[in-house]
Amino acid sequence: MAVLGDSVLSKVLCTMWFRARDNAGNAHQPAAWTSIRNDILGNAGLSQRGRTHGIDTCVLASDGNRGLVTDKMVATTLEALFGAVYLDGGDDAVVRAVEHLGIDQHPLLMVTFIFTPSP
């Protein structure tokens, strides 16, 4: 489920990045997507967001981890939740969850001009 969630999050955020333009209406460079992906979708970013919303308190850690919930565990749990959201409600539900959790609040996604490609 976490693998699906990781892929869905990547797709949704990449679509947001693709549509986002700077204040002059210019597309962001591909390196900007790499920055967004690393900042948001890496274990550190997902874990921080998950802990902010209390996901870590829902994870049961084994005695092998001495009861400690690691950043990787929180990140993986959040990814799995997004996989479940996708299966239950599709892309639109994932977009709403991303917005609700503030995952879309990266500086390179927060712009004033949105590009919508013609069909």
C-alpha atoms as a PDB file:
ATOM      1  CA  MET A   1       0.000   0.000   0.000  1.00  0.00           C
ATOM      2  CA  ALA A   2       2.902   2.369   0.758  1.00  0.00           C
ATOM      3  CA  VAL A   3       4.385   1.810  -2.719  1.00  0.00           C
ATOM      4  CA  LEU A   4       1.061   2.780  -4.280  1.00  0.00           C
ATOM      5  CA  GLY A   5       0.778   5.818  -2.005  1.00  0.00           C
ATOM      6  CA  ASP A   6       4.301   6.935  -2.874  1.00  0.00           C
ATOM      7  CA  SER A   7       3.508   6.735  -6.587  1.00  0.00           C
ATOM      8  CA  VAL A   8       0.172   8.506  -6.238  1.00  0.00           C
ATOM      9  CA  LEU A   9       1.700  11.307  -4.168  1.00  0.00           C
ATOM     10  CA  SER A  10       4.436  11.708  -6.752  1.00  0.00           C
ATOM     11  CA  LYS A  11       1.884  11.880  -9.582  1.00  0.00           C
ATOM     12  CA  VAL A  12      -0.350  14.414  -7.829  1.00  0.00           C
ATOM     13  CA  LEU A  13       2.519  16.680  -6.789  1.00  0.00           C
ATOM     14  CA  CYS A  14       4.188  16.436 -10.200  1.00  0.00           C
ATOM     15  CA  THR A  15       0.913  17.488 -11.821  1.00  0.00           C
ATOM     16  CA  MET A  16       0.691  20.459  -9.440  1.00  0.00           C
ATOM     17  CA  TRP A  17       4.295  21.372 -10.290  1.00  0.00           C
ATOM     18  CA  PHE A  18       3.662  21.039 -14.038  1.00  0.00           C
ATOM     19  CA  ARG A  19       0.680  23.387 -13.863  1.00  0.00           C
ATOM     20  CA  ALA A  20       2.382  25.909 -11.582  1.00  0.00           C
ATOM     21  CA  ARG A  21       4.029  28.942 -13.123  1.00  0.00           C
ATOM     22  CA  ASP A  22       6.050  31.735 -11.634  1.00  0.00           C
ATOM     23  CA  ASN A  23       4.635  35.256 -11.357  1.00  0.00           C
ATOM     24  CA  ALA A  24       5.639  35.953 -14.971  1.00  0.00           C
ATOM     25  CA  GLY A  25       3.789  32.877 -16.246  1.00  0.00           C
ATOM     26  CA  ASN A  26       6.956  30.883 -16.949  1.00  0.00           C
ATOM     27  CA  ALA A  27       7.234  27.141 -16.351  1.00  0.00           C
ATOM     28  CA  HIS A  28       9.564  25.993 -13.592  1.00  0.00           C
ATOM     29  CA  GLN A  29      12.769  24.227 -14.575  1.00  0.00           C
ATOM     30  CA  PRO A  30      12.948  20.415 -14.168  1.00  0.00           C
ATOM     31  CA  ALA A  31      15.403  20.893 -11.303  1.00  0.00           C
ATOM     32  CA  ALA A  32      12.535  22.477  -9.372  1.00  0.00           C
ATOM     33  CA  TRP A  33      10.627  19.175  -9.522  1.00  0.00           C
ATOM     34  CA  THR A  34      13.676  17.365  -8.171  1.00  0.00           C
ATOM     35  CA  SER A  35      13.799  19.821  -5.273  1.00  0.00           C
ATOM     36  CA  ILE A  36      10.086  19.422  -4.548  1.00  0.00           C
ATOM     37  CA  ARG A  37      10.302  15.633  -4.748  1.00  0.00           C
ATOM     38  CA  ASN A  38      13.283  15.502  -2.399  1.00  0.00           C
ATOM     39  CA  ASP A  39      11.823  17.995   0.096  1.00  0.00           C
ATOM     40  CA  ILE A  40       8.301  16.597   0.249  1.00  0.00           C
ATOM     41  CA  LEU A  41       8.438  12.942  -0.757  1.00  0.00           C
ATOM     42  CA  GLY A  42      11.616  11.933   1.040  1.00  0.00           C
ATOM     43  CA  ASN A  43      11.341  10.152   4.379  1.00  0.00           C
ATOM     44  CA  ALA A  44      12.341  13.307   6.274  1.00  0.00           C
ATOM     45  CA  GLY A  45       9.633  15.450   4.676  1.00  0.00           C
ATOM     46  CA  LEU A  46       6.903  12.836   4.948  1.00  0.00           C
ATOM     47  CA  SER A  47       7.878  11.998   8.521  1.00  0.00           C
ATOM     48  CA  GLN A  48       7.817  15.651   9.550  1.00  0.00           C
ATOM     49  CA  ARG A  49       4.374  16.115   8.004  1.00  0.00           C
ATOM     50  CA  GLY A  50       3.139  12.856   9.535  1.00  0.00           C
ATOM     51  CA  ARG A  51       4.374  13.774  13.004  1.00  0.00           C
ATOM     52  CA  THR A  52       2.809  17.233  12.684  1.00  0.00           C
ATOM     53  CA  HIS A  53      -0.544  15.530  12.197  1.00  0.00           C
ATOM     54  CA  GLY A  54      -0.034  12.835  14.851  1.00  0.00           C
ATOM     55  CA  ILE A  55       0.464   9.849  12.537  1.00  0.00           C
ATOM     56  CA  ASP A  56       3.337   8.672  14.747  1.00  0.00           C
ATOM     57  CA  THR A  57       0.933   8.186  17.650  1.00  0.00           C
ATOM     58  CA  CYS A  58      -1.031   5.671  15.558  1.00  0.00           C
ATOM     59  CA  VAL A  59       1.961   3.443  14.739  1.00  0.00           C
ATOM     60  CA  LEU A  60       2.599   0.403  16.900  1.00  0.00           C
ATOM     61  CA  ALA A  61       6.338  -0.241  17.138  1.00  0.00           C
ATOM     62  CA  SER A  62       7.693  -3.686  17.939  1.00  0.00           C
ATOM     63  CA  ASP A  63       9.859  -4.516  20.909  1.00  0.00           C
ATOM     64  CA  GLY A  64      12.726  -4.879  18.420  1.00  0.00           C
ATOM     65  CA  ASN A  65      12.552  -1.114  18.000  1.00  0.00           C
ATOM     66  CA  ARG A  66      12.214  -0.672  21.758  1.00  0.00           C
ATOM     67  CA  GLY A  67       8.811   0.848  21.083  1.00  0.00           C
ATOM     68  CA  LEU A  68      10.337   3.753  19.156  1.00  0.00           C
ATOM     69  CA  VAL A  69       8.536   4.970  16.044  1.00  0.00           C
ATOM     70  CA  THR A  70      11.186   5.887  13.487  1.00  0.00           C
ATOM     71  CA  ASP A  71      10.930   8.554  10.799  1.00  0.00           C
ATOM     72  CA  LYS A  72      10.865   5.808   8.162  1.00  0.00           C
ATOM     73  CA  MET A  73       7.926   4.137   9.907  1.00  0.00           C
ATOM     74  CA  VAL A  74       5.973   7.408   9.958  1.00  0.00           C
ATOM     75  CA  ALA A  75       6.802   8.161   6.312  1.00  0.00           C
ATOM     76  CA  THR A  76       5.809   4.664   5.208  1.00  0.00           C
ATOM     77  CA  THR A  77       2.567   4.859   7.183  1.00  0.00           C
ATOM     78  CA  LEU A  78       1.673   8.189   5.572  1.00  0.00           C
ATOM     79  CA  GLU A  79       2.418   6.746   2.126  1.00  0.00           C
ATOM     80  CA  ALA A  80       0.186   3.760   2.887  1.00  0.00           C
ATOM     81  CA  LEU A  81      -2.602   6.087   3.975  1.00  0.00           C
ATOM     82  CA  PHE A  82      -2.355   7.935   0.665  1.00  0.00           C
ATOM     83  CA  GLY A  83      -2.523   4.610  -1.147  1.00  0.00           C
ATOM     84  CA  ALA A  84      -5.742   3.825   0.714  1.00  0.00           C
ATOM     85  CA  VAL A  85      -7.154   7.291   0.002  1.00  0.00           C
ATOM     86  CA  TYR A  86      -6.441   6.750  -3.688  1.00  0.00           C
ATOM     87  CA  LEU A  87      -8.124   3.343  -3.774  1.00  0.00           C
ATOM     88  CA  ASP A  88     -11.142   4.711  -1.951  1.00  0.00           C
ATOM     89  CA  GLY A  89     -11.581   8.053  -3.735  1.00  0.00           C
ATOM     90  CA  GLY A  90      -9.172   8.364  -6.655  1.00  0.00           C
ATOM     91  CA  ASP A  91      -6.976  11.290  -7.628  1.00  0.00           C
ATOM     92  CA  ASP A  92      -9.434  13.948  -6.453  1.00  0.00           C
ATOM     93  CA  ALA A  93      -9.455  12.519  -2.939  1.00  0.00           C
ATOM     94  CA  VAL A  94      -5.653  12.445  -2.907  1.00  0.00           C
ATOM     95  CA  VAL A  95      -5.506  16.087  -4.025  1.00  0.00           C
ATOM     96  CA  ARG A  96      -7.908  17.064  -1.233  1.00  0.00           C
ATOM     97  CA  ALA A  97      -5.859  15.130   1.346  1.00  0.00           C
ATOM     98  CA  VAL A  98      -2.613  16.704   0.083  1.00  0.00           C
ATOM     99  CA  GLU A  99      -4.167  20.159   0.431  1.00  0.00           C
ATOM    100  CA  HIS A 100      -5.725  19.383   3.824  1.00  0.00           C
ATOM    101  CA  LEU A 101      -2.404  18.182   5.251  1.00  0.00           C
ATOM    102  CA  GLY A 102      -0.526  21.124   3.717  1.00  0.00           C
ATOM    103  CA  ILE A 103       1.752  18.898   1.673  1.00  0.00           C
ATOM    104  CA  ASP A 104       1.249  21.259  -1.267  1.00  0.00           C
ATOM    105  CA  GLN A 105       2.738  24.198   0.668  1.00  0.00           C
ATOM    106  CA  HIS A 106       6.171  24.008  -0.962  1.00  0.00           C
ATOM    107  CA  PRO A 107       7.438  27.417  -2.189  1.00  0.00           C
ATOM    108  CA  LEU A 108       7.721  26.127  -5.761  1.00  0.00           C
ATOM    109  CA  LEU A 109       4.080  25.033  -5.727  1.00  0.00           C
ATOM    110  CA  MET A 110       2.769  28.248  -4.166  1.00  0.00           C
ATOM    111  CA  VAL A 111       2.421  30.559  -7.153  1.00  0.00           C
ATOM    112  CA  THR A 112      -0.091  33.032  -8.470  1.00  0.00           C
ATOM    113  CA  PHE A 113      -0.418  31.730 -12.021  1.00  0.00           C
ATOM    114  CA  ILE A 114      -1.720  28.245 -12.847  1.00  0.00           C
ATOM    115  CA  PHE A 115      -1.265  26.784 -16.327  1.00  0.00           C
ATOM    116  CA  THR A 116      -4.018  24.539 -17.613  1.00  0.00           C
ATOM    117  CA  PRO A 117      -3.031  22.716 -20.800  1.00  0.00           C
ATOM    118  CA  SER A 118      -5.677  22.642 -23.503  1.00  0.00           C
ATOM    119  CA  PRO A 119      -7.194  19.214 -24.199  1.00  0.00           C
END
